[in-house]
Amino acid sequence: MAPIDRTGGGLNVIAIVILLGSIALGLVASILIRNPLSIVVMVIVGVVLMLSPRIARQWERAVVLRLGRFVGLRGPGLFWIVPFVDTVSSWIDQRTITTSFAAEQTLTSDTVPVNVDAVLFWMVHDAQKAALEVQDYSQAVSWAAQTALRDIIGRTTLTDLLRGRERIETELQLLIDQRSNPWGVTVSSVEMRDVVIPGALQDAMSREAQAAREKQARIILGQAEMEIAHSFQEAAKSYHENPTALHLRAMNMLYEGLKEKGALMLIPSSAVESMGMGGLMGAAALRQKTLAGGSDEGKAE
């Protein structure tokens, strides 16, 4: 008979040693008194004593009941119980545990259905309370986290839910911790993995964001036009006080326009009169005609 440790840690070596020792003692007694009944008795005693040693792993605590009453926590390592009198009712894992939970089709305070997935990090800090105060502490923590998430979503708008994740995670952690503390459970942190909203609402939000960006672009363009107009106003004042600068600007405009061969410039007549560009335009046209004539003669030759 190879007894298996109930903690899942493998063979209980101490129980095997007890059984083999009992068999050896029974065998020796049977040889000495020449009665085979001794070995049978010692085997039975060994089987009973095998139930006494238990092994708890480093992160586990064993809850021991004696005739149904709590007598204490045992572990980690080797501990002993009284066979048929003491029982190990549960093994409490005191490592940090991760639990996934979700709130599906939950309405926000502005009546928007959302699906929220989150992860809870928690641990048992009081194994006695976890064993005696609640039937299944792991399941209880999961349900408490889910209901707390639904409560917080129900009093939060969609905008706050999408933008204020850190605040909501902190609030959710405090709420779950408040509910689970009487069970000996402490919540380390809560992290929201995903917030899913309906597809139609996503399209509407996308169009709204696009419209907002277009509005901002038009505002920036208008501000740029105002700045340009202000610059032109200042330039007009400078040219009004200094006609020579205005003529130089007109000559520069003609030069820029006639740098390319065959270029055509259209200038309003009012601009010609106000800037005194009549003579300049005539000279430029004559020069361009001369250049064109010289080019034609060169081709004819």
C-alpha atoms as a PDB file:
ATOM      1  CA  MET A   1       0.000   0.000   0.000  1.00  0.00           C
ATOM      2  CA  ALA A   2       1.563   3.292  -1.092  1.00  0.00           C
ATOM      3  CA  PRO A   3      -0.221   6.207   0.609  1.00  0.00           C
ATOM      4  CA  ILE A   4      -0.534   9.457  -1.345  1.00  0.00           C
ATOM      5  CA  ASP A   5      -0.161  12.772   0.461  1.00  0.00           C
ATOM      6  CA  ARG A   6      -3.452  14.654   0.260  1.00  0.00           C
ATOM      7  CA  THR A   7      -1.641  17.901  -0.415  1.00  0.00           C
ATOM      8  CA  GLY A   8      -0.630  16.508  -3.781  1.00  0.00           C
ATOM      9  CA  GLY A   9       3.027  16.532  -2.827  1.00  0.00           C
ATOM     10  CA  GLY A  10       3.567  12.864  -3.699  1.00  0.00           C
ATOM     11  CA  LEU A  11       4.290   9.845  -1.495  1.00  0.00           C
ATOM     12  CA  ASN A  12       4.273  10.361   2.273  1.00  0.00           C
ATOM     13  CA  VAL A  13       7.675   8.874   3.109  1.00  0.00           C
ATOM     14  CA  ILE A  14       7.007   8.938   6.859  1.00  0.00           C
ATOM     15  CA  ALA A  15       3.857   6.834   6.465  1.00  0.00           C
ATOM     16  CA  ILE A  16       5.743   4.288   4.364  1.00  0.00           C
ATOM     17  CA  VAL A  17       8.500   4.058   6.992  1.00  0.00           C
ATOM     18  CA  ILE A  18       5.880   3.476   9.724  1.00  0.00           C
ATOM     19  CA  LEU A  19       4.227   0.715   7.708  1.00  0.00           C
ATOM     20  CA  LEU A  20       7.530  -1.026   6.920  1.00  0.00           C
ATOM     21  CA  GLY A  21       8.652  -0.692  10.545  1.00  0.00           C
ATOM     22  CA  SER A  22       5.405  -2.225  11.789  1.00  0.00           C
ATOM     23  CA  ILE A  23       5.756  -5.125   9.379  1.00  0.00           C
ATOM     24  CA  ALA A  24       9.349  -5.678  10.474  1.00  0.00           C
ATOM     25  CA  LEU A  25       8.395  -5.613  14.169  1.00  0.00           C
ATOM     26  CA  GLY A  26       5.541  -8.005  13.540  1.00  0.00           C
ATOM     27  CA  LEU A  27       7.822 -10.355  11.651  1.00  0.00           C
ATOM     28  CA  VAL A  28      10.391 -10.317  14.454  1.00  0.00           C
ATOM     29  CA  ALA A  29       7.694 -10.892  17.098  1.00  0.00           C
ATOM     30  CA  SER A  30       6.214 -13.777  15.111  1.00  0.00           C
ATOM     31  CA  ILE A  31       9.645 -15.426  14.883  1.00  0.00           C
ATOM     32  CA  LEU A  32      10.335 -14.935  18.589  1.00  0.00           C
ATOM     33  CA  ILE A  33       6.997 -16.166  19.915  1.00  0.00           C
ATOM     34  CA  ARG A  34       6.395 -18.435  16.943  1.00  0.00           C
ATOM     35  CA  ASN A  35       2.929 -17.071  16.401  1.00  0.00           C
ATOM     36  CA  PRO A  36       1.927 -15.651  12.994  1.00  0.00           C
ATOM     37  CA  LEU A  37      -0.794 -13.589  14.610  1.00  0.00           C
ATOM     38  CA  SER A  38       1.771 -10.978  15.678  1.00  0.00           C
ATOM     39  CA  ILE A  39       2.617  -9.952  12.171  1.00  0.00           C
ATOM     40  CA  VAL A  40      -1.091  -9.568  11.328  1.00  0.00           C
ATOM     41  CA  VAL A  41      -1.627  -7.343  14.360  1.00  0.00           C
ATOM     42  CA  MET A  42       1.411  -5.199  13.571  1.00  0.00           C
ATOM     43  CA  VAL A  43       0.323  -4.751   9.956  1.00  0.00           C
ATOM     44  CA  ILE A  44      -3.057  -3.504  11.144  1.00  0.00           C
ATOM     45  CA  VAL A  45      -1.359  -1.171  13.628  1.00  0.00           C
ATOM     46  CA  GLY A  46       0.960   0.079  10.889  1.00  0.00           C
ATOM     47  CA  VAL A  47      -1.944   0.798   8.538  1.00  0.00           C
ATOM     48  CA  VAL A  48      -3.689   2.791  11.296  1.00  0.00           C
ATOM     49  CA  LEU A  49      -0.544   4.726  12.203  1.00  0.00           C
ATOM     50  CA  MET A  50       0.002   5.597   8.541  1.00  0.00           C
ATOM     51  CA  LEU A  51      -2.942   7.988   8.833  1.00  0.00           C
ATOM     52  CA  SER A  52      -1.171  10.055  11.500  1.00  0.00           C
ATOM     53  CA  PRO A  53       1.728  11.803   9.686  1.00  0.00           C
ATOM     54  CA  ARG A  54       0.833  14.548   7.205  1.00  0.00           C
ATOM     55  CA  ILE A  55       2.992  16.874   5.159  1.00  0.00           C
ATOM     56  CA  ALA A  56       2.038  20.441   4.243  1.00  0.00           C
ATOM     57  CA  ARG A  57       4.016  22.288   1.614  1.00  0.00           C
ATOM     58  CA  GLN A  58       5.675  25.633   2.355  1.00  0.00           C
ATOM     59  CA  TRP A  59       2.746  27.727   1.087  1.00  0.00           C
ATOM     60  CA  GLU A  60      -0.009  25.578   2.654  1.00  0.00           C
ATOM     61  CA  ARG A  61      -1.775  25.489   6.004  1.00  0.00           C
ATOM     62  CA  ALA A  62      -3.848  22.481   7.108  1.00  0.00           C
ATOM     63  CA  VAL A  63      -7.060  23.050   9.057  1.00  0.00           C
ATOM     64  CA  VAL A  64      -7.365  20.296  11.688  1.00  0.00           C
ATOM     65  CA  LEU A  65     -10.703  19.363  13.305  1.00  0.00           C
ATOM     66  CA  ARG A  66     -10.964  17.059  16.297  1.00  0.00           C
ATOM     67  CA  LEU A  67     -14.352  15.361  16.459  1.00  0.00           C
ATOM     68  CA  GLY A  68     -15.710  18.206  14.363  1.00  0.00           C
ATOM     69  CA  ARG A  69     -14.201  21.041  16.429  1.00  0.00           C
ATOM     70  CA  PHE A  70     -11.400  23.301  15.234  1.00  0.00           C
ATOM     71  CA  VAL A  71      -8.154  22.608  17.079  1.00  0.00           C
ATOM     72  CA  GLY A  72      -5.669  24.599  15.047  1.00  0.00           C
ATOM     73  CA  LEU A  73      -3.658  25.103  11.888  1.00  0.00           C
ATOM     74  CA  ARG A  74      -0.752  22.852  10.998  1.00  0.00           C
ATOM     75  CA  GLY A  75       2.160  23.257   8.625  1.00  0.00           C
ATOM     76  CA  PRO A  76       4.270  23.854   6.739  1.00  0.00           C
ATOM     77  CA  GLY A  77       6.236  20.632   6.916  1.00  0.00           C
ATOM     78  CA  LEU A  78       5.520  17.456   8.869  1.00  0.00           C
ATOM     79  CA  PHE A  79       2.749  17.316  11.460  1.00  0.00           C
ATOM     80  CA  TRP A  80       0.792  14.569  13.202  1.00  0.00           C
ATOM     81  CA  ILE A  81      -2.889  13.934  13.787  1.00  0.00           C
ATOM     82  CA  VAL A  82      -4.773  11.358  15.845  1.00  0.00           C
ATOM     83  CA  PRO A  83      -6.203   8.729  13.450  1.00  0.00           C
ATOM     84  CA  PHE A  84     -10.024   8.506  13.329  1.00  0.00           C
ATOM     85  CA  VAL A  85     -10.258  11.427  15.803  1.00  0.00           C
ATOM     86  CA  ASP A  86      -8.598  14.296  13.933  1.00  0.00           C
ATOM     87  CA  THR A  87      -9.380  15.200  10.352  1.00  0.00           C
ATOM     88  CA  VAL A  88      -7.824  17.681   7.967  1.00  0.00           C
ATOM     89  CA  SER A  89     -10.863  19.509   6.643  1.00  0.00           C
ATOM     90  CA  SER A  90      -9.060  21.713   4.111  1.00  0.00           C
ATOM     91  CA  TRP A  91      -5.704  22.861   2.820  1.00  0.00           C
ATOM     92  CA  ILE A  92      -5.333  26.643   2.537  1.00  0.00           C
ATOM     93  CA  ASP A  93      -3.044  28.013  -0.171  1.00  0.00           C
ATOM     94  CA  GLN A  94      -1.440  31.264   1.025  1.00  0.00           C
ATOM     95  CA  ARG A  95       0.270  32.232  -2.208  1.00  0.00           C
ATOM     96  CA  THR A  96      -0.916  35.152  -4.348  1.00  0.00           C
ATOM     97  CA  ILE A  97      -3.786  33.896  -6.512  1.00  0.00           C
ATOM     98  CA  THR A  98      -5.060  35.389  -9.780  1.00  0.00           C
ATOM     99  CA  THR A  99      -8.743  35.266 -10.620  1.00  0.00           C
ATOM    100  CA  SER A 100     -10.292  36.448 -13.878  1.00  0.00           C
ATOM    101  CA  PHE A 101     -13.777  37.929 -13.712  1.00  0.00           C
ATOM    102  CA  ALA A 102     -16.037  39.881 -16.043  1.00  0.00           C
ATOM    103  CA  ALA A 103     -19.181  41.987 -16.193  1.00  0.00           C
ATOM    104  CA  GLU A 104     -21.097  41.300 -19.395  1.00  0.00           C
ATOM    105  CA  GLN A 105     -23.736  43.633 -20.847  1.00  0.00           C
ATOM    106  CA  THR A 106     -23.658  45.926 -17.828  1.00  0.00           C
ATOM    107  CA  LEU A 107     -25.217  49.392 -18.184  1.00  0.00           C
ATOM    108  CA  THR A 108     -23.182  52.441 -17.268  1.00  0.00           C
ATOM    109  CA  SER A 109     -24.777  55.432 -15.557  1.00  0.00           C
ATOM    110  CA  ASP A 110     -25.451  56.932 -19.011  1.00  0.00           C
ATOM    111  CA  THR A 111     -27.190  53.659 -20.126  1.00  0.00           C
ATOM    112  CA  VAL A 112     -24.452  52.301 -22.391  1.00  0.00           C
ATOM    113  CA  PRO A 113     -24.026  48.485 -22.354  1.00  0.00           C
ATOM    114  CA  VAL A 114     -20.381  47.458 -21.895  1.00  0.00           C
ATOM    115  CA  ASN A 115     -18.402  44.259 -21.364  1.00  0.00           C
ATOM    116  CA  VAL A 116     -15.508  44.594 -18.934  1.00  0.00           C
ATOM    117  CA  ASP A 117     -12.811  41.968 -18.261  1.00  0.00           C
ATOM    118  CA  ALA A 118     -10.558  42.264 -15.224  1.00  0.00           C
ATOM    119  CA  VAL A 119      -7.995  40.298 -13.211  1.00  0.00           C
ATOM    120  CA  LEU A 120      -7.917  40.119  -9.421  1.00  0.00           C
ATOM    121  CA  PHE A 121      -4.726  39.474  -7.418  1.00  0.00           C
ATOM    122  CA  TRP A 122      -5.446  38.287  -3.883  1.00  0.00           C
ATOM    123  CA  MET A 123      -4.120  36.082  -1.079  1.00  0.00           C
ATOM    124  CA  VAL A 124      -5.297  34.473   2.165  1.00  0.00           C
ATOM    125  CA  HIS A 125      -3.816  36.254   5.166  1.00  0.00           C
ATOM    126  CA  ASP A 126      -5.898  34.435   7.813  1.00  0.00           C
ATOM    127  CA  ALA A 127      -6.251  30.722   7.041  1.00  0.00           C
ATOM    128  CA  GLN A 128      -8.551  30.120  10.015  1.00  0.00           C
ATOM    129  CA  LYS A 129     -11.150  32.634   8.815  1.00  0.00           C
ATOM    130  CA  ALA A 130     -10.892  31.381   5.231  1.00  0.00           C
ATOM    131  CA  ALA A 131     -11.660  27.849   6.437  1.00  0.00           C
ATOM    132  CA  LEU A 132     -14.353  28.601   9.032  1.00  0.00           C
ATOM    133  CA  GLU A 133     -16.109  31.812   7.961  1.00  0.00           C
ATOM    134  CA  VAL A 134     -17.009  30.933   4.368  1.00  0.00           C
ATOM    135  CA  GLN A 135     -17.814  27.686   2.590  1.00  0.00           C
ATOM    136  CA  ASP A 136     -15.637  28.194  -0.499  1.00  0.00           C
ATOM    137  CA  TYR A 137     -13.449  31.265  -0.120  1.00  0.00           C
ATOM    138  CA  SER A 138     -12.117  31.116  -3.683  1.00  0.00           C
ATOM    139  CA  GLN A 139     -15.590  31.094  -5.241  1.00  0.00           C
ATOM    140  CA  ALA A 140     -16.784  33.731  -2.774  1.00  0.00           C
ATOM    141  CA  VAL A 141     -13.962  36.087  -3.756  1.00  0.00           C
ATOM    142  CA  SER A 142     -14.769  35.596  -7.446  1.00  0.00           C
ATOM    143  CA  TRP A 143     -18.460  36.419  -6.963  1.00  0.00           C
ATOM    144  CA  ALA A 144     -17.645  39.392  -4.730  1.00  0.00           C
ATOM    145  CA  ALA A 145     -15.309  40.779  -7.409  1.00  0.00           C
ATOM    146  CA  GLN A 146     -17.914  40.377 -10.147  1.00  0.00           C
ATOM    147  CA  THR A 147     -20.713  42.067  -8.190  1.00  0.00           C
ATOM    148  CA  ALA A 148     -18.380  44.893  -7.128  1.00  0.00           C
ATOM    149  CA  LEU A 149     -17.402  45.473 -10.753  1.00  0.00           C
ATOM    150  CA  ARG A 150     -21.067  45.659 -11.770  1.00  0.00           C
ATOM    151  CA  ASP A 151     -21.796  48.127  -8.975  1.00  0.00           C
ATOM    152  CA  ILE A 152     -18.973  50.448 -10.006  1.00  0.00           C
ATOM    153  CA  ILE A 153     -19.884  50.292 -13.718  1.00  0.00           C
ATOM    154  CA  GLY A 154     -23.498  51.095 -12.857  1.00  0.00           C
ATOM    155  CA  ARG A 155     -22.521  54.421 -11.246  1.00  0.00           C
ATOM    156  CA  THR A 156     -19.816  55.421 -13.745  1.00  0.00           C
ATOM    157  CA  THR A 157     -20.249  57.099 -17.121  1.00  0.00           C
ATOM    158  CA  LEU A 158     -18.715  55.614 -20.242  1.00  0.00           C
ATOM    159  CA  THR A 159     -16.247  58.501 -20.572  1.00  0.00           C
ATOM    160  CA  ASP A 160     -14.996  58.059 -17.007  1.00  0.00           C
ATOM    161  CA  LEU A 161     -14.808  54.300 -17.543  1.00  0.00           C
ATOM    162  CA  LEU A 162     -12.574  54.700 -20.595  1.00  0.00           C
ATOM    163  CA  ARG A 163     -10.395  57.533 -19.298  1.00  0.00           C
ATOM    164  CA  GLY A 164     -10.220  56.911 -15.557  1.00  0.00           C
ATOM    165  CA  ARG A 165      -9.141  53.273 -15.379  1.00  0.00           C
ATOM    166  CA  GLU A 166      -6.638  53.804 -12.578  1.00  0.00           C
ATOM    167  CA  ARG A 167      -9.221  55.470 -10.353  1.00  0.00           C
ATOM    168  CA  ILE A 168     -11.780  52.756 -11.046  1.00  0.00           C
ATOM    169  CA  GLU A 169      -9.233  49.997 -10.361  1.00  0.00           C
ATOM    170  CA  THR A 170      -8.354  51.577  -7.016  1.00  0.00           C
ATOM    171  CA  GLU A 171     -12.005  51.964  -6.072  1.00  0.00           C
ATOM    172  CA  LEU A 172     -12.727  48.393  -7.134  1.00  0.00           C
ATOM    173  CA  GLN A 173      -9.810  47.069  -5.089  1.00  0.00           C
ATOM    174  CA  LEU A 174     -11.033  48.859  -1.958  1.00  0.00           C
ATOM    175  CA  LEU A 175     -14.584  47.604  -2.425  1.00  0.00           C
ATOM    176  CA  ILE A 176     -13.581  43.961  -2.968  1.00  0.00           C
ATOM    177  CA  ASP A 177     -11.102  44.122  -0.090  1.00  0.00           C
ATOM    178  CA  GLN A 178     -13.810  45.473   2.205  1.00  0.00           C
ATOM    179  CA  ARG A 179     -16.112  42.569   1.315  1.00  0.00           C
ATOM    180  CA  SER A 180     -13.469  39.825   1.527  1.00  0.00           C
ATOM    181  CA  ASN A 181     -11.582  40.897   4.655  1.00  0.00           C
ATOM    182  CA  PRO A 182     -14.038  39.087   6.999  1.00  0.00           C
ATOM    183  CA  TRP A 183     -13.090  35.876   5.159  1.00  0.00           C
ATOM    184  CA  GLY A 184      -9.369  36.350   5.854  1.00  0.00           C
ATOM    185  CA  VAL A 185      -8.627  37.429   2.281  1.00  0.00           C
ATOM    186  CA  THR A 186      -6.597  40.468   1.207  1.00  0.00           C
ATOM    187  CA  VAL A 187      -6.791  41.974  -2.289  1.00  0.00           C
ATOM    188  CA  SER A 188      -3.399  43.043  -3.658  1.00  0.00           C
ATOM    189  CA  SER A 189      -4.541  44.747  -6.858  1.00  0.00           C
ATOM    190  CA  VAL A 190      -7.145  44.793  -9.607  1.00  0.00           C
ATOM    191  CA  GLU A 191      -6.362  45.330 -13.283  1.00  0.00           C
ATOM    192  CA  MET A 192      -8.931  45.958 -16.006  1.00  0.00           C
ATOM    193  CA  ARG A 193      -7.884  44.131 -19.154  1.00  0.00           C
ATOM    194  CA  ASP A 194     -10.472  45.276 -21.670  1.00  0.00           C
ATOM    195  CA  VAL A 195     -13.594  47.423 -22.045  1.00  0.00           C
ATOM    196  CA  VAL A 196     -15.779  46.448 -25.010  1.00  0.00           C
ATOM    197  CA  ILE A 197     -18.569  48.733 -26.217  1.00  0.00           C
ATOM    198  CA  PRO A 198     -21.144  48.051 -29.004  1.00  0.00           C
ATOM    199  CA  GLY A 199     -19.930  48.390 -32.580  1.00  0.00           C
ATOM    200  CA  ALA A 200     -22.528  51.046 -33.492  1.00  0.00           C
ATOM    201  CA  LEU A 201     -21.385  53.182 -30.591  1.00  0.00           C
ATOM    202  CA  GLN A 202     -17.751  52.767 -31.646  1.00  0.00           C
ATOM    203  CA  ASP A 203     -18.643  54.102 -35.123  1.00  0.00           C
ATOM    204  CA  ALA A 204     -20.501  57.049 -33.606  1.00  0.00           C
ATOM    205  CA  MET A 205     -17.575  57.859 -31.311  1.00  0.00           C
ATOM    206  CA  SER A 206     -15.193  57.609 -34.269  1.00  0.00           C
ATOM    207  CA  ARG A 207     -17.301  60.056 -36.309  1.00  0.00           C
ATOM    208  CA  GLU A 208     -17.506  62.403 -33.329  1.00  0.00           C
ATOM    209  CA  ALA A 209     -13.737  62.339 -32.900  1.00  0.00           C
ATOM    210  CA  GLN A 210     -13.243  62.969 -36.624  1.00  0.00           C
ATOM    211  CA  ALA A 211     -15.643  65.925 -36.538  1.00  0.00           C
ATOM    212  CA  ALA A 212     -13.833  67.346 -33.517  1.00  0.00           C
ATOM    213  CA  ARG A 213     -10.502  67.094 -35.327  1.00  0.00           C
ATOM    214  CA  GLU A 214     -11.936  68.775 -38.449  1.00  0.00           C
ATOM    215  CA  LYS A 215     -13.313  71.562 -36.281  1.00  0.00           C
ATOM    216  CA  GLN A 216      -9.941  72.062 -34.655  1.00  0.00           C
ATOM    217  CA  ALA A 217      -8.251  72.079 -38.067  1.00  0.00           C
ATOM    218  CA  ARG A 218     -10.640  74.776 -39.325  1.00  0.00           C
ATOM    219  CA  ILE A 219     -10.024  76.851 -36.207  1.00  0.00           C
ATOM    220  CA  ILE A 220      -6.262  76.611 -36.705  1.00  0.00           C
ATOM    221  CA  LEU A 221      -6.639  77.540 -40.386  1.00  0.00           C
ATOM    222  CA  GLY A 222      -8.761  80.576 -39.477  1.00  0.00           C
ATOM    223  CA  GLN A 223      -6.200  81.684 -36.916  1.00  0.00           C
ATOM    224  CA  ALA A 224      -3.485  81.345 -39.540  1.00  0.00           C
ATOM    225  CA  GLU A 225      -5.524  83.485 -41.991  1.00  0.00           C
ATOM    226  CA  MET A 226      -5.931  86.126 -39.292  1.00  0.00           C
ATOM    227  CA  GLU A 227      -2.207  86.174 -38.642  1.00  0.00           C
ATOM    228  CA  ILE A 228      -1.478  86.440 -42.380  1.00  0.00           C
ATOM    229  CA  ALA A 229      -3.986  89.264 -42.764  1.00  0.00           C
ATOM    230  CA  HIS A 230      -2.400  91.073 -39.831  1.00  0.00           C
ATOM    231  CA  SER A 231       1.023  90.683 -41.455  1.00  0.00           C
ATOM    232  CA  PHE A 232      -0.323  92.069 -44.756  1.00  0.00           C
ATOM    233  CA  GLN A 233      -1.818  94.994 -42.858  1.00  0.00           C
ATOM    234  CA  GLU A 234       1.504  95.807 -41.278  1.00  0.00           C
ATOM    235  CA  ALA A 235       3.237  95.428 -44.664  1.00  0.00           C
ATOM    236  CA  ALA A 236       0.686  97.775 -46.281  1.00  0.00           C
ATOM    237  CA  LYS A 237       1.456 100.425 -43.657  1.00  0.00           C
ATOM    238  CA  SER A 238       5.171 100.097 -44.384  1.00  0.00           C
ATOM    239  CA  TYR A 239       4.654 100.366 -48.160  1.00  0.00           C
ATOM    240  CA  HIS A 240       2.309 103.353 -47.735  1.00  0.00           C
ATOM    241  CA  GLU A 241       4.966 105.248 -45.830  1.00  0.00           C
ATOM    242  CA  ASN A 242       7.781 104.197 -48.196  1.00  0.00           C
ATOM    243  CA  PRO A 243       6.830 104.182 -51.934  1.00  0.00           C
ATOM    244  CA  THR A 244      10.355 103.173 -52.918  1.00  0.00           C
ATOM    245  CA  ALA A 245       9.962  99.914 -50.991  1.00  0.00           C
ATOM    246  CA  LEU A 246       6.681  99.331 -52.805  1.00  0.00           C
ATOM    247  CA  HIS A 247       8.349  99.735 -56.207  1.00  0.00           C
ATOM    248  CA  LEU A 248      11.165  97.444 -55.195  1.00  0.00           C
ATOM    249  CA  ARG A 249       8.594  94.858 -54.143  1.00  0.00           C
ATOM    250  CA  ALA A 250       6.856  95.229 -57.501  1.00  0.00           C
ATOM    251  CA  MET A 251      10.124  94.722 -59.362  1.00  0.00           C
ATOM    252  CA  ASN A 252      10.873  91.653 -57.299  1.00  0.00           C
ATOM    253  CA  MET A 253       7.429  90.239 -58.129  1.00  0.00           C
ATOM    254  CA  LEU A 254       8.061  90.773 -61.846  1.00  0.00           C
ATOM    255  CA  TYR A 255      11.476  89.206 -61.595  1.00  0.00           C
ATOM    256  CA  GLU A 256      10.112  86.160 -59.839  1.00  0.00           C
ATOM    257  CA  GLY A 257       7.363  85.829 -62.404  1.00  0.00           C
ATOM    258  CA  LEU A 258       9.585  86.212 -65.462  1.00  0.00           C
ATOM    259  CA  LYS A 259      12.450  83.969 -64.363  1.00  0.00           C
ATOM    260  CA  GLU A 260      10.920  81.101 -66.271  1.00  0.00           C
ATOM    261  CA  LYS A 261      10.977  81.472 -70.024  1.00  0.00           C
ATOM    262  CA  GLY A 262       7.547  81.924 -71.501  1.00  0.00           C
ATOM    263  CA  ALA A 263       5.956  82.683 -68.109  1.00  0.00           C
ATOM    264  CA  LEU A 264       2.657  84.555 -68.112  1.00  0.00           C
ATOM    265  CA  MET A 265       1.634  86.930 -65.319  1.00  0.00           C
ATOM    266  CA  LEU A 266      -1.888  88.192 -64.756  1.00  0.00           C
ATOM    267  CA  ILE A 267      -1.997  91.293 -62.559  1.00  0.00           C
ATOM    268  CA  PRO A 268      -5.178  93.223 -61.761  1.00  0.00           C
ATOM    269  CA  SER A 269      -5.282  96.722 -63.242  1.00  0.00           C
ATOM    270  CA  SER A 270      -5.913  98.193 -59.823  1.00  0.00           C
ATOM    271  CA  ALA A 271      -2.658  96.671 -58.586  1.00  0.00           C
ATOM    272  CA  VAL A 272      -0.813  98.153 -61.602  1.00  0.00           C
ATOM    273  CA  GLU A 273      -2.127 101.626 -60.835  1.00  0.00           C
ATOM    274  CA  SER A 274      -1.609 101.470 -57.075  1.00  0.00           C
ATOM    275  CA  MET A 275       1.911 100.057 -57.278  1.00  0.00           C
ATOM    276  CA  GLY A 276       3.005 102.214 -60.243  1.00  0.00           C
ATOM    277  CA  MET A 277       3.854  99.137 -62.288  1.00  0.00           C
ATOM    278  CA  GLY A 278       2.778 100.517 -65.701  1.00  0.00           C
ATOM    279  CA  GLY A 279       6.278 101.399 -66.908  1.00  0.00           C
ATOM    280  CA  LEU A 280       7.748  98.290 -65.413  1.00  0.00           C
ATOM    281  CA  MET A 281       5.185  96.054 -67.084  1.00  0.00           C
ATOM    282  CA  GLY A 282       5.824  97.714 -70.450  1.00  0.00           C
ATOM    283  CA  ALA A 283       9.571  97.284 -70.106  1.00  0.00           C
ATOM    284  CA  ALA A 284       9.160  93.716 -69.040  1.00  0.00           C
ATOM    285  CA  ALA A 285       6.840  92.964 -71.979  1.00  0.00           C
ATOM    286  CA  LEU A 286       9.278  94.608 -74.418  1.00  0.00           C
ATOM    287  CA  ARG A 287      12.167  92.652 -72.964  1.00  0.00           C
ATOM    288  CA  GLN A 288      10.224  89.409 -73.199  1.00  0.00           C
ATOM    289  CA  LYS A 289       9.250  90.200 -76.822  1.00  0.00           C
ATOM    290  CA  THR A 290      12.877  90.962 -77.693  1.00  0.00           C
ATOM    291  CA  LEU A 291      13.991  87.693 -76.212  1.00  0.00           C
ATOM    292  CA  ALA A 292      11.322  85.828 -78.119  1.00  0.00           C
ATOM    293  CA  GLY A 293      12.270  87.598 -81.398  1.00  0.00           C
ATOM    294  CA  GLY A 294      15.928  86.799 -80.953  1.00  0.00           C
ATOM    295  CA  SER A 295      15.075  83.192 -80.383  1.00  0.00           C
ATOM    296  CA  ASP A 296      12.968  83.012 -83.573  1.00  0.00           C
ATOM    297  CA  GLU A 297      15.801  84.549 -85.656  1.00  0.00           C
ATOM    298  CA  GLY A 298      18.215  82.027 -84.261  1.00  0.00           C
ATOM    299  CA  LYS A 299      15.901  79.213 -85.302  1.00  0.00           C
ATOM    300  CA  ALA A 300      15.498  80.661 -88.848  1.00  0.00           C
ATOM    301  CA  GLU A 301      19.272  80.742 -89.372  1.00  0.00           C
END
